[in-house]
Amino acid sequence: MAQYSAQLDGVFVALSDPTRRAVVRRLGRGPTSVGDLAREFPMTLPSFMKHVRTLESNGLIRTVKSGRVRTCVLNRERLTLVDDWLSEQRRTWEERTDRLEQFVTDPEEKTQ
């Protein structure tokens, strides 16, 4: 469970930056070279590479180097980690609000 939490923490940290979220969104359309991705952002290539390394170290993207071109690929499996966590939270809070609604609206439940 601790490893799961560390992985989830890393994914949320990686997704906390708007540039990195934009990269993930862009890679959702398909693999792209680092150079093509970097042209979309107003920063130097070394600064952009820090974002790429953060995404890669947290498993959100993979990079493959062929000659002088490094291509980024989105790791969709890693996004399921966030989706699973959010689904669990949604289910927990829906159950709690359902119990609260039942407690407030059902007078017989109050007397028991």
PDB file of N, CA and C in Angstrom:
ATOM      1  N   MET A   1       0.823  -1.203   0.000  1.00  0.00           N
ATOM      2  CA  MET A   1       0.000   0.000   0.000  1.00  0.00           C
ATOM      3  C   MET A   1       0.861   1.259   0.000  1.00  0.00           C
ATOM      4  N   ALA A   2       2.008   1.217   0.732  1.00  0.00           N
ATOM      5  CA  ALA A   2       2.888   2.383   0.785  1.00  0.00           C
ATOM      6  C   ALA A   2       3.475   2.691  -0.588  1.00  0.00           C
ATOM      7  N   GLN A   3       3.821   1.625  -1.345  1.00  0.00           N
ATOM      8  CA  GLN A   3       4.370   1.842  -2.680  1.00  0.00           C
ATOM      9  C   GLN A   3       3.305   2.439  -3.592  1.00  0.00           C
ATOM     10  N   TYR A   4       2.062   1.937  -3.453  1.00  0.00           N
ATOM     11  CA  TYR A   4       0.951   2.461  -4.237  1.00  0.00           C
ATOM     12  C   TYR A   4       0.794   3.943  -3.954  1.00  0.00           C
ATOM     13  N   SER A   5       0.874   4.323  -2.681  1.00  0.00           N
ATOM     14  CA  SER A   5       0.729   5.717  -2.298  1.00  0.00           C
ATOM     15  C   SER A   5       1.871   6.562  -2.856  1.00  0.00           C
ATOM     16  N   ALA A   6       3.085   6.052  -2.799  1.00  0.00           N
ATOM     17  CA  ALA A   6       4.227   6.803  -3.330  1.00  0.00           C
ATOM     18  C   ALA A   6       4.082   7.013  -4.833  1.00  0.00           C
ATOM     19  N   GLN A   7       3.604   5.990  -5.524  1.00  0.00           N
ATOM     20  CA  GLN A   7       3.400   6.127  -6.968  1.00  0.00           C
ATOM     21  C   GLN A   7       2.315   7.159  -7.261  1.00  0.00           C
ATOM     22  N   LEU A   8       1.237   7.101  -6.503  1.00  0.00           N
ATOM     23  CA  LEU A   8       0.140   8.055  -6.692  1.00  0.00           C
ATOM     24  C   LEU A   8       0.609   9.478  -6.384  1.00  0.00           C
ATOM     25  N   ASP A   9       1.373   9.630  -5.299  1.00  0.00           N
ATOM     26  CA  ASP A   9       1.920  10.952  -4.969  1.00  0.00           C
ATOM     27  C   ASP A   9       2.757  11.493  -6.121  1.00  0.00           C
ATOM     28  N   GLY A  10       3.598  10.648  -6.695  1.00  0.00           N
ATOM     29  CA  GLY A  10       4.452  11.074  -7.798  1.00  0.00           C
ATOM     30  C   GLY A  10       3.653  11.494  -9.014  1.00  0.00           C
ATOM     31  N   VAL A  11       2.612  10.754  -9.310  1.00  0.00           N
ATOM     32  CA  VAL A  11       1.772  11.099 -10.465  1.00  0.00           C
ATOM     33  C   VAL A  11       1.070  12.439 -10.223  1.00  0.00           C
ATOM     34  N   PHE A  12       0.552  12.637  -9.014  1.00  0.00           N
ATOM     35  CA  PHE A  12      -0.107  13.919  -8.737  1.00  0.00           C
ATOM     36  C   PHE A  12       0.887  15.081  -8.780  1.00  0.00           C
ATOM     37  N   VAL A  13       2.087  14.875  -8.269  1.00  0.00           N
ATOM     38  CA  VAL A  13       3.112  15.930  -8.341  1.00  0.00           C
ATOM     39  C   VAL A  13       3.416  16.248  -9.807  1.00  0.00           C
ATOM     40  N   ALA A  14       3.580  15.213 -10.613  1.00  0.00           N
ATOM     41  CA  ALA A  14       3.881  15.431 -12.033  1.00  0.00           C
ATOM     42  C   ALA A  14       2.742  16.170 -12.728  1.00  0.00           C
ATOM     43  N   LEU A  15       1.518  15.856 -12.373  1.00  0.00           N
ATOM     44  CA  LEU A  15       0.368  16.484 -13.030  1.00  0.00           C
ATOM     45  C   LEU A  15       0.010  17.846 -12.429  1.00  0.00           C
ATOM     46  N   SER A  16       0.717  18.257 -11.383  1.00  0.00           N
ATOM     47  CA  SER A  16       0.383  19.538 -10.746  1.00  0.00           C
ATOM     48  C   SER A  16       0.836  20.737 -11.565  1.00  0.00           C
ATOM     49  N   ASP A  17       1.674  20.521 -12.553  1.00  0.00           N
ATOM     50  CA  ASP A  17       2.208  21.616 -13.364  1.00  0.00           C
ATOM     51  C   ASP A  17       1.438  21.726 -14.683  1.00  0.00           C
ATOM     52  N   PRO A  18       1.011  22.935 -15.076  1.00  0.00           N
ATOM     53  CA  PRO A  18       0.237  23.079 -16.310  1.00  0.00           C
ATOM     54  C   PRO A  18       1.003  22.674 -17.565  1.00  0.00           C
ATOM     55  N   THR A  19       2.306  22.891 -17.593  1.00  0.00           N
ATOM     56  CA  THR A  19       3.084  22.474 -18.765  1.00  0.00           C
ATOM     57  C   THR A  19       3.062  20.957 -18.900  1.00  0.00           C
ATOM     58  N   ARG A  20       3.247  20.272 -17.797  1.00  0.00           N
ATOM     59  CA  ARG A  20       3.267  18.798 -17.856  1.00  0.00           C
ATOM     60  C   ARG A  20       1.885  18.249 -18.216  1.00  0.00           C
ATOM     61  N   ARG A  21       0.839  18.884 -17.697  1.00  0.00           N
ATOM     62  CA  ARG A  21      -0.516  18.440 -18.088  1.00  0.00           C
ATOM     63  C   ARG A  21      -0.736  18.659 -19.580  1.00  0.00           C
ATOM     64  N   ALA A  22      -0.221  19.772 -20.110  1.00  0.00           N
ATOM     65  CA  ALA A  22      -0.365  20.035 -21.550  1.00  0.00           C
ATOM     66  C   ALA A  22       0.404  18.993 -22.368  1.00  0.00           C
ATOM     67  N   VAL A  23       1.561  18.582 -21.870  1.00  0.00           N
ATOM     68  CA  VAL A  23       2.331  17.546 -22.575  1.00  0.00           C
ATOM     69  C   VAL A  23       1.549  16.235 -22.580  1.00  0.00           C
ATOM     70  N   VAL A  24       0.982  15.868 -21.431  1.00  0.00           N
ATOM     71  CA  VAL A  24       0.181  14.630 -21.356  1.00  0.00           C
ATOM     72  C   VAL A  24      -1.000  14.721 -22.315  1.00  0.00           C
ATOM     73  N   ARG A  25      -1.668  15.880 -22.323  1.00  0.00           N
ATOM     74  CA  ARG A  25      -2.822  16.082 -23.226  1.00  0.00           C
ATOM     75  C   ARG A  25      -2.374  15.934 -24.684  1.00  0.00           C
ATOM     76  N   ARG A  26      -1.248  16.548 -25.021  1.00  0.00           N
ATOM     77  CA  ARG A  26      -0.744  16.486 -26.400  1.00  0.00           C
ATOM     78  C   ARG A  26      -0.373  15.056 -26.783  1.00  0.00           C
ATOM     79  N   LEU A  27       0.263  14.332 -25.859  1.00  0.00           N
ATOM     80  CA  LEU A  27       0.669  12.959 -26.166  1.00  0.00           C
ATOM     81  C   LEU A  27      -0.536  12.022 -26.233  1.00  0.00           C
ATOM     82  N   GLY A  28      -1.661  12.455 -25.731  1.00  0.00           N
ATOM     83  CA  GLY A  28      -2.879  11.664 -25.887  1.00  0.00           C
ATOM     84  C   GLY A  28      -3.289  11.519 -27.338  1.00  0.00           C
ATOM     85  N   ARG A  29      -2.802  12.407 -28.185  1.00  0.00           N
ATOM     86  CA  ARG A  29      -3.094  12.330 -29.629  1.00  0.00           C
ATOM     87  C   ARG A  29      -2.104  11.438 -30.364  1.00  0.00           C
ATOM     88  N   GLY A  30      -1.001  11.069 -29.683  1.00  0.00           N
ATOM     89  CA  GLY A  30      -0.023  10.187 -30.306  1.00  0.00           C
ATOM     90  C   GLY A  30       1.399  10.580 -29.944  1.00  0.00           C
ATOM     91  N   PRO A  31       2.348   9.674 -30.201  1.00  0.00           N
ATOM     92  CA  PRO A  31       3.756   9.935 -29.891  1.00  0.00           C
ATOM     93  C   PRO A  31       4.275  11.151 -30.657  1.00  0.00           C
ATOM     94  N   THR A  32       5.182  11.872 -30.015  1.00  0.00           N
ATOM     95  CA  THR A  32       5.736  13.093 -30.601  1.00  0.00           C
ATOM     96  C   THR A  32       7.178  13.247 -30.157  1.00  0.00           C
ATOM     97  N   SER A  33       7.990  13.814 -31.011  1.00  0.00           N
ATOM     98  CA  SER A  33       9.388  14.037 -30.632  1.00  0.00           C
ATOM     99  C   SER A  33       9.469  15.151 -29.595  1.00  0.00           C
ATOM    100  N   VAL A  34      10.527  15.102 -28.796  1.00  0.00           N
ATOM    101  CA  VAL A  34      10.734  16.127 -27.774  1.00  0.00           C
ATOM    102  C   VAL A  34      10.839  17.501 -28.429  1.00  0.00           C
ATOM    103  N   GLY A  35      11.532  17.571 -29.561  1.00  0.00           N
ATOM    104  CA  GLY A  35      11.691  18.851 -30.250  1.00  0.00           C
ATOM    105  C   GLY A  35      10.358  19.447 -30.675  1.00  0.00           C
ATOM    106  N   ASP A  36       9.473  18.612 -31.224  1.00  0.00           N
ATOM    107  CA  ASP A  36       8.150  19.109 -31.634  1.00  0.00           C
ATOM    108  C   ASP A  36       7.328  19.532 -30.425  1.00  0.00           C
ATOM    109  N   LEU A  37       7.424  18.754 -29.336  1.00  0.00           N
ATOM    110  CA  LEU A  37       6.693  19.138 -28.125  1.00  0.00           C
ATOM    111  C   LEU A  37       7.210  20.457 -27.571  1.00  0.00           C
ATOM    112  N   ALA A  38       8.520  20.599 -27.533  1.00  0.00           N
ATOM    113  CA  ALA A  38       9.131  21.791 -26.930  1.00  0.00           C
ATOM    114  C   ALA A  38       8.760  23.067 -27.681  1.00  0.00           C
ATOM    115  N   ARG A  39       8.554  22.968 -28.994  1.00  0.00           N
ATOM    116  CA  ARG A  39       8.205  24.165 -29.783  1.00  0.00           C
ATOM    117  C   ARG A  39       6.871  24.765 -29.355  1.00  0.00           C
ATOM    118  N   GLU A  40       6.019  23.974 -28.731  1.00  0.00           N
ATOM    119  CA  GLU A  40       4.701  24.462 -28.313  1.00  0.00           C
ATOM    120  C   GLU A  40       4.748  25.267 -27.025  1.00  0.00           C
ATOM    121  N   PHE A  41       5.917  25.320 -26.361  1.00  0.00           N
ATOM    122  CA  PHE A  41       5.996  25.977 -25.056  1.00  0.00           C
ATOM    123  C   PHE A  41       7.057  27.074 -25.077  1.00  0.00           C
ATOM    124  N   PRO A  42       6.757  28.217 -24.449  1.00  0.00           N
ATOM    125  CA  PRO A  42       7.703  29.340 -24.455  1.00  0.00           C
ATOM    126  C   PRO A  42       8.782  29.186 -23.386  1.00  0.00           C
ATOM    127  N   MET A  43       9.688  28.238 -23.594  1.00  0.00           N
ATOM    128  CA  MET A  43      10.794  28.043 -22.655  1.00  0.00           C
ATOM    129  C   MET A  43      11.955  27.398 -23.405  1.00  0.00           C
ATOM    130  N   THR A  44      13.104  27.416 -22.766  1.00  0.00           N
ATOM    131  CA  THR A  44      14.285  26.817 -23.394  1.00  0.00           C
ATOM    132  C   THR A  44      14.161  25.289 -23.378  1.00  0.00           C
ATOM    133  N   LEU A  45      14.907  24.649 -24.257  1.00  0.00           N
ATOM    134  CA  LEU A  45      14.869  23.190 -24.324  1.00  0.00           C
ATOM    135  C   LEU A  45      15.326  22.542 -23.013  1.00  0.00           C
ATOM    136  N   PRO A  46      16.412  23.058 -22.363  1.00  0.00           N
ATOM    137  CA  PRO A  46      16.792  22.449 -21.073  1.00  0.00           C
ATOM    138  C   PRO A  46      15.682  22.552 -20.018  1.00  0.00           C
ATOM    139  N   SER A  47      14.982  23.672 -19.994  1.00  0.00           N
ATOM    140  CA  SER A  47      13.857  23.810 -19.037  1.00  0.00           C
ATOM    141  C   SER A  47      12.740  22.840 -19.383  1.00  0.00           C
ATOM    142  N   PHE A  48      12.464  22.696 -20.674  1.00  0.00           N
ATOM    143  CA  PHE A  48      11.415  21.767 -21.089  1.00  0.00           C
ATOM    144  C   PHE A  48      11.800  20.328 -20.751  1.00  0.00           C
ATOM    145  N   MET A  49      13.085  20.000 -20.900  1.00  0.00           N
ATOM    146  CA  MET A  49      13.543  18.640 -20.593  1.00  0.00           C
ATOM    147  C   MET A  49      13.328  18.279 -19.125  1.00  0.00           C
ATOM    148  N   LYS A  50      13.360  19.278 -18.234  1.00  0.00           N
ATOM    149  CA  LYS A  50      13.078  18.993 -16.817  1.00  0.00           C
ATOM    150  C   LYS A  50      11.646  18.475 -16.666  1.00  0.00           C
ATOM    151  N   HIS A  51      10.733  19.055 -17.418  1.00  0.00           N
ATOM    152  CA  HIS A  51       9.342  18.579 -17.374  1.00  0.00           C
ATOM    153  C   HIS A  51       9.244  17.161 -17.934  1.00  0.00           C
ATOM    154  N   VAL A  52       9.956  16.917 -19.024  1.00  0.00           N
ATOM    155  CA  VAL A  52       9.936  15.573 -19.627  1.00  0.00           C
ATOM    156  C   VAL A  52      10.483  14.548 -18.635  1.00  0.00           C
ATOM    157  N   ARG A  53      11.576  14.884 -17.975  1.00  0.00           N
ATOM    158  CA  ARG A  53      12.168  13.953 -17.000  1.00  0.00           C
ATOM    159  C   ARG A  53      11.225  13.699 -15.828  1.00  0.00           C
ATOM    160  N   THR A  54      10.517  14.727 -15.381  1.00  0.00           N
ATOM    161  CA  THR A  54       9.558  14.539 -14.276  1.00  0.00           C
ATOM    162  C   THR A  54       8.448  13.594 -14.700  1.00  0.00           C
ATOM    163  N   LEU A  55       7.916  13.802 -15.890  1.00  0.00           N
ATOM    164  CA  LEU A  55       6.850  12.913 -16.389  1.00  0.00           C
ATOM    165  C   LEU A  55       7.367  11.492 -16.567  1.00  0.00           C
ATOM    166  N   GLU A  56       8.580  11.364 -17.068  1.00  0.00           N
ATOM    167  CA  GLU A  56       9.146  10.040 -17.303  1.00  0.00           C
ATOM    168  C   GLU A  56       9.469   9.332 -15.980  1.00  0.00           C
ATOM    169  N   SER A  57      10.030  10.053 -15.026  1.00  0.00           N
ATOM    170  CA  SER A  57      10.406   9.420 -13.756  1.00  0.00           C
ATOM    171  C   SER A  57       9.178   8.984 -12.956  1.00  0.00           C
ATOM    172  N   ASN A  58       8.043   9.592 -13.230  1.00  0.00           N
ATOM    173  CA  ASN A  58       6.807   9.193 -12.540  1.00  0.00           C
ATOM    174  C   ASN A  58       5.952   8.255 -13.393  1.00  0.00           C
ATOM    175  N   GLY A  59       6.515   7.786 -14.484  1.00  0.00           N
ATOM    176  CA  GLY A  59       5.879   6.750 -15.279  1.00  0.00           C
ATOM    177  C   GLY A  59       4.748   7.210 -16.180  1.00  0.00           C
ATOM    178  N   LEU A  60       4.568   8.507 -16.332  1.00  0.00           N
ATOM    179  CA  LEU A  60       3.466   8.986 -17.172  1.00  0.00           C
ATOM    180  C   LEU A  60       3.798   8.941 -18.658  1.00  0.00           C
ATOM    181  N   ILE A  61       5.086   9.040 -18.969  1.00  0.00           N
ATOM    182  CA  ILE A  61       5.505   8.942 -20.363  1.00  0.00           C
ATOM    183  C   ILE A  61       6.736   8.039 -20.449  1.00  0.00           C
ATOM    184  N   ARG A  62       6.982   7.529 -21.637  1.00  0.00           N
ATOM    185  CA  ARG A  62       8.212   6.808 -21.939  1.00  0.00           C
ATOM    186  C   ARG A  62       8.873   7.573 -23.068  1.00  0.00           C
ATOM    187  N   THR A  63      10.198   7.534 -23.101  1.00  0.00           N
ATOM    188  CA  THR A  63      10.890   8.145 -24.229  1.00  0.00           C
ATOM    189  C   THR A  63      11.743   7.076 -24.899  1.00  0.00           C
ATOM    190  N   VAL A  64      11.815   7.188 -26.201  1.00  0.00           N
ATOM    191  CA  VAL A  64      12.605   6.259 -27.003  1.00  0.00           C
ATOM    192  C   VAL A  64      13.516   7.095 -27.894  1.00  0.00           C
ATOM    193  N   LYS A  65      14.805   6.785 -27.866  1.00  0.00           N
ATOM    194  CA  LYS A  65      15.745   7.555 -28.676  1.00  0.00           C
ATOM    195  C   LYS A  65      16.115   6.753 -29.914  1.00  0.00           C
ATOM    196  N   SER A  66      15.972   7.383 -31.072  1.00  0.00           N
ATOM    197  CA  SER A  66      16.358   6.773 -32.337  1.00  0.00           C
ATOM    198  C   SER A  66      17.238   7.777 -33.066  1.00  0.00           C
ATOM    199  N   GLY A  67      18.543   7.500 -33.083  1.00  0.00           N
ATOM    200  CA  GLY A  67      19.476   8.463 -33.665  1.00  0.00           C
ATOM    201  C   GLY A  67      19.534   9.704 -32.790  1.00  0.00           C
ATOM    202  N   ARG A  68      19.235  10.846 -33.388  1.00  0.00           N
ATOM    203  CA  ARG A  68      19.267  12.089 -32.613  1.00  0.00           C
ATOM    204  C   ARG A  68      17.885  12.521 -32.152  1.00  0.00           C
ATOM    205  N   VAL A  69      16.878  11.739 -32.458  1.00  0.00           N
ATOM    206  CA  VAL A  69      15.493  12.108 -32.128  1.00  0.00           C
ATOM    207  C   VAL A  69      14.995  11.291 -30.934  1.00  0.00           C
ATOM    208  N   ARG A  70      14.513  11.995 -29.906  1.00  0.00           N
ATOM    209  CA  ARG A  70      13.903  11.336 -28.751  1.00  0.00           C
ATOM    210  C   ARG A  70      12.396  11.528 -28.863  1.00  0.00           C
ATOM    211  N   THR A  71      11.675  10.411 -28.886  1.00  0.00           N
ATOM    212  CA  THR A  71      10.226  10.451 -29.041  1.00  0.00           C
ATOM    213  C   THR A  71       9.559  10.115 -27.713  1.00  0.00           C
ATOM    214  N   CYS A  72       8.518  10.880 -27.375  1.00  0.00           N
ATOM    215  CA  CYS A  72       7.764  10.678 -26.133  1.00  0.00           C
ATOM    216  C   CYS A  72       6.463   9.936 -26.444  1.00  0.00           C
ATOM    217  N   VAL A  73       6.131   8.991 -25.565  1.00  0.00           N
ATOM    218  CA  VAL A  73       4.909   8.199 -25.703  1.00  0.00           C
ATOM    219  C   VAL A  73       4.178   8.226 -24.368  1.00  0.00           C
ATOM    220  N   LEU A  74       2.885   8.488 -24.406  1.00  0.00           N
ATOM    221  CA  LEU A  74       2.081   8.522 -23.179  1.00  0.00           C
ATOM    222  C   LEU A  74       1.891   7.108 -22.649  1.00  0.00           C
ATOM    223  N   ASN A  75       2.054   6.924 -21.350  1.00  0.00           N
ATOM    224  CA  ASN A  75       1.799   5.645 -20.696  1.00  0.00           C
ATOM    225  C   ASN A  75       0.395   5.707 -20.079  1.00  0.00           C
ATOM    226  N   ARG A  76      -0.592   5.288 -20.850  1.00  0.00           N
ATOM    227  CA  ARG A  76      -1.993   5.394 -20.409  1.00  0.00           C
ATOM    228  C   ARG A  76      -2.274   4.555 -19.169  1.00  0.00           C
ATOM    229  N   GLU A  77      -1.541   3.475 -18.995  1.00  0.00           N
ATOM    230  CA  GLU A  77      -1.733   2.621 -17.811  1.00  0.00           C
ATOM    231  C   GLU A  77      -1.524   3.407 -16.520  1.00  0.00           C
ATOM    232  N   ARG A  78      -0.580   4.323 -16.539  1.00  0.00           N
ATOM    233  CA  ARG A  78      -0.269   5.093 -15.330  1.00  0.00           C
ATOM    234  C   ARG A  78      -1.438   6.012 -14.955  1.00  0.00           C
ATOM    235  N   LEU A  79      -2.160   6.484 -15.956  1.00  0.00           N
ATOM    236  CA  LEU A  79      -3.300   7.352 -15.669  1.00  0.00           C
ATOM    237  C   LEU A  79      -4.425   6.588 -14.974  1.00  0.00           C
ATOM    238  N   THR A  80      -4.469   5.279 -15.129  1.00  0.00           N
ATOM    239  CA  THR A  80      -5.507   4.499 -14.449  1.00  0.00           C
ATOM    240  C   THR A  80      -5.306   4.540 -12.934  1.00  0.00           C
ATOM    241  N   LEU A  81      -4.078   4.769 -12.494  1.00  0.00           N
ATOM    242  CA  LEU A  81      -3.797   4.917 -11.068  1.00  0.00           C
ATOM    243  C   LEU A  81      -4.605   6.076 -10.495  1.00  0.00           C
ATOM    244  N   VAL A  82      -4.605   7.197 -11.192  1.00  0.00           N
ATOM    245  CA  VAL A  82      -5.368   8.376 -10.758  1.00  0.00           C
ATOM    246  C   VAL A  82      -6.864   8.101 -10.872  1.00  0.00           C
ATOM    247  N   ASP A  83      -7.257   7.495 -11.963  1.00  0.00           N
ATOM    248  CA  ASP A  83      -8.673   7.199 -12.181  1.00  0.00           C
ATOM    249  C   ASP A  83      -9.206   6.263 -11.091  1.00  0.00           C
ATOM    250  N   ASP A  84      -8.431   5.247 -10.735  1.00  0.00           N
ATOM    251  CA  ASP A  84      -8.859   4.325  -9.675  1.00  0.00           C
ATOM    252  C   ASP A  84      -9.002   5.047  -8.338  1.00  0.00           C
ATOM    253  N   TRP A  85      -8.051   5.905  -8.017  1.00  0.00           N
ATOM    254  CA  TRP A  85      -8.098   6.642  -6.746  1.00  0.00           C
ATOM    255  C   TRP A  85      -9.317   7.566  -6.707  1.00  0.00           C
ATOM    256  N   LEU A  86      -9.545   8.279  -7.809  1.00  0.00           N
ATOM    257  CA  LEU A  86     -10.700   9.182  -7.854  1.00  0.00           C
ATOM    258  C   LEU A  86     -12.014   8.411  -7.770  1.00  0.00           C
ATOM    259  N   SER A  87     -12.087   7.259  -8.417  1.00  0.00           N
ATOM    260  CA  SER A  87     -13.302   6.441  -8.349  1.00  0.00           C
ATOM    261  C   SER A  87     -13.562   5.978  -6.920  1.00  0.00           C
ATOM    262  N   GLU A  88     -12.506   5.571  -6.232  1.00  0.00           N
ATOM    263  CA  GLU A  88     -12.643   5.143  -4.833  1.00  0.00           C
ATOM    264  C   GLU A  88     -13.143   6.305  -3.966  1.00  0.00           C
ATOM    265  N   GLN A  89     -12.576   7.493  -4.156  1.00  0.00           N
ATOM    266  CA  GLN A  89     -13.006   8.662  -3.379  1.00  0.00           C
ATOM    267  C   GLN A  89     -14.454   9.023  -3.685  1.00  0.00           C
ATOM    268  N   ARG A  90     -14.825   8.971  -4.949  1.00  0.00           N
ATOM    269  CA  ARG A  90     -16.192   9.288  -5.360  1.00  0.00           C
ATOM    270  C   ARG A  90     -17.188   8.315  -4.713  1.00  0.00           C
ATOM    271  N   ARG A  91     -16.846   7.039  -4.748  1.00  0.00           N
ATOM    272  CA  ARG A  91     -17.721   6.006  -4.165  1.00  0.00           C
ATOM    273  C   ARG A  91     -17.862   6.205  -2.656  1.00  0.00           C
ATOM    274  N   THR A  92     -16.779   6.499  -1.966  1.00  0.00           N
ATOM    275  CA  THR A  92     -16.815   6.732  -0.521  1.00  0.00           C
ATOM    276  C   THR A  92     -17.723   7.906  -0.182  1.00  0.00           C
ATOM    277  N   TRP A  93     -17.567   9.013  -0.890  1.00  0.00           N
ATOM    278  CA  TRP A  93     -18.355  10.206  -0.581  1.00  0.00           C
ATOM    279  C   TRP A  93     -19.805  10.064  -1.000  1.00  0.00           C
ATOM    280  N   GLU A  94     -20.072   9.326  -2.050  1.00  0.00           N
ATOM    281  CA  GLU A  94     -21.468   9.067  -2.425  1.00  0.00           C
ATOM    282  C   GLU A  94     -22.160   8.223  -1.366  1.00  0.00           C
ATOM    283  N   GLU A  95     -21.462   7.236  -0.824  1.00  0.00           N
ATOM    284  CA  GLU A  95     -22.044   6.413   0.242  1.00  0.00           C
ATOM    285  C   GLU A  95     -22.323   7.259   1.480  1.00  0.00           C
ATOM    286  N   ARG A  96     -21.409   8.123   1.831  1.00  0.00           N
ATOM    287  CA  ARG A  96     -21.596   8.986   3.003  1.00  0.00           C
ATOM    288  C   ARG A  96     -22.768   9.948   2.812  1.00  0.00           C
ATOM    289  N   THR A  97     -22.858  10.564   1.666  1.00  0.00           N
ATOM    290  CA  THR A  97     -23.968  11.501   1.443  1.00  0.00           C
ATOM    291  C   THR A  97     -25.298  10.766   1.343  1.00  0.00           C
ATOM    292  N   ASP A  98     -25.288   9.536   0.829  1.00  0.00           N
ATOM    293  CA  ASP A  98     -26.520   8.744   0.793  1.00  0.00           C
ATOM    294  C   ASP A  98     -26.991   8.433   2.216  1.00  0.00           C
ATOM    295  N   ARG A  99     -26.064   8.050   3.097  1.00  0.00           N
ATOM    296  CA  ARG A  99     -26.428   7.775   4.494  1.00  0.00           C
ATOM    297  C   ARG A  99     -26.927   9.042   5.182  1.00  0.00           C
ATOM    298  N   LEU A 100     -26.299  10.160   4.935  1.00  0.00           N
ATOM    299  CA  LEU A 100     -26.738  11.428   5.520  1.00  0.00           C
ATOM    300  C   LEU A 100     -28.126  11.789   5.021  1.00  0.00           C
ATOM    301  N   GLU A 101     -28.363  11.633   3.730  1.00  0.00           N
ATOM    302  CA  GLU A 101     -29.683  11.932   3.168  1.00  0.00           C
ATOM    303  C   GLU A 101     -30.750  11.032   3.788  1.00  0.00           C
ATOM    304  N   GLN A 102     -30.425   9.767   3.944  1.00  0.00           N
ATOM    305  CA  GLN A 102     -31.367   8.832   4.551  1.00  0.00           C
ATOM    306  C   GLN A 102     -31.637   9.219   6.005  1.00  0.00           C
ATOM    307  N   PHE A 103     -30.627   9.612   6.731  1.00  0.00           N
ATOM    308  CA  PHE A 103     -30.781  10.022   8.123  1.00  0.00           C
ATOM    309  C   PHE A 103     -31.661  11.261   8.232  1.00  0.00           C
ATOM    310  N   VAL A 104     -31.502  12.210   7.334  1.00  0.00           N
ATOM    311  CA  VAL A 104     -32.252  13.469   7.382  1.00  0.00           C
ATOM    312  C   VAL A 104     -33.683  13.287   6.908  1.00  0.00           C
ATOM    313  N   THR A 105     -33.907  12.458   5.912  1.00  0.00           N
ATOM    314  CA  THR A 105     -35.242  12.357   5.305  1.00  0.00           C
ATOM    315  C   THR A 105     -36.110  11.235   5.861  1.00  0.00           C
ATOM    316  N   ASP A 106     -35.548  10.267   6.567  1.00  0.00           N
ATOM    317  CA  ASP A 106     -36.333   9.133   7.066  1.00  0.00           C
ATOM    318  C   ASP A 106     -36.528   9.269   8.577  1.00  0.00           C
ATOM    319  N   PRO A 107     -37.706   9.704   9.024  1.00  0.00           N
ATOM    320  CA  PRO A 107     -37.937   9.942  10.459  1.00  0.00           C
ATOM    321  C   PRO A 107     -37.820   8.682  11.308  1.00  0.00           C
ATOM    322  N   GLU A 108     -38.152   7.547  10.783  1.00  0.00           N
ATOM    323  CA  GLU A 108     -38.071   6.322  11.576  1.00  0.00           C
ATOM    324  C   GLU A 108     -36.623   5.952  11.877  1.00  0.00           C
ATOM    325  N   GLU A 109     -35.724   6.269  10.981  1.00  0.00           N
ATOM    326  CA  GLU A 109     -34.317   5.983  11.224  1.00  0.00           C
ATOM    327  C   GLU A 109     -33.780   6.818  12.376  1.00  0.00           C
ATOM    328  N   LYS A 110     -34.332   8.050  12.566  1.00  0.00           N
ATOM    329  CA  LYS A 110     -33.851   8.945  13.611  1.00  0.00           C
ATOM    330  C   LYS A 110     -34.153   8.415  15.001  1.00  0.00           C
ATOM    331  N   THR A 111     -35.304   7.730  15.152  1.00  0.00           N
ATOM    332  CA  THR A 111     -35.703   7.267  16.476  1.00  0.00           C
ATOM    333  C   THR A 111     -35.015   5.977  16.885  1.00  0.00           C
ATOM    334  N   GLN A 112     -34.390   5.293  15.986  1.00  0.00           N
ATOM    335  CA  GLN A 112     -33.755   4.019  16.321  1.00  0.00           C
ATOM    336  C   GLN A 112     -32.376   4.200  16.873  1.00  0.00           C
TER     337      GLN A 112
END
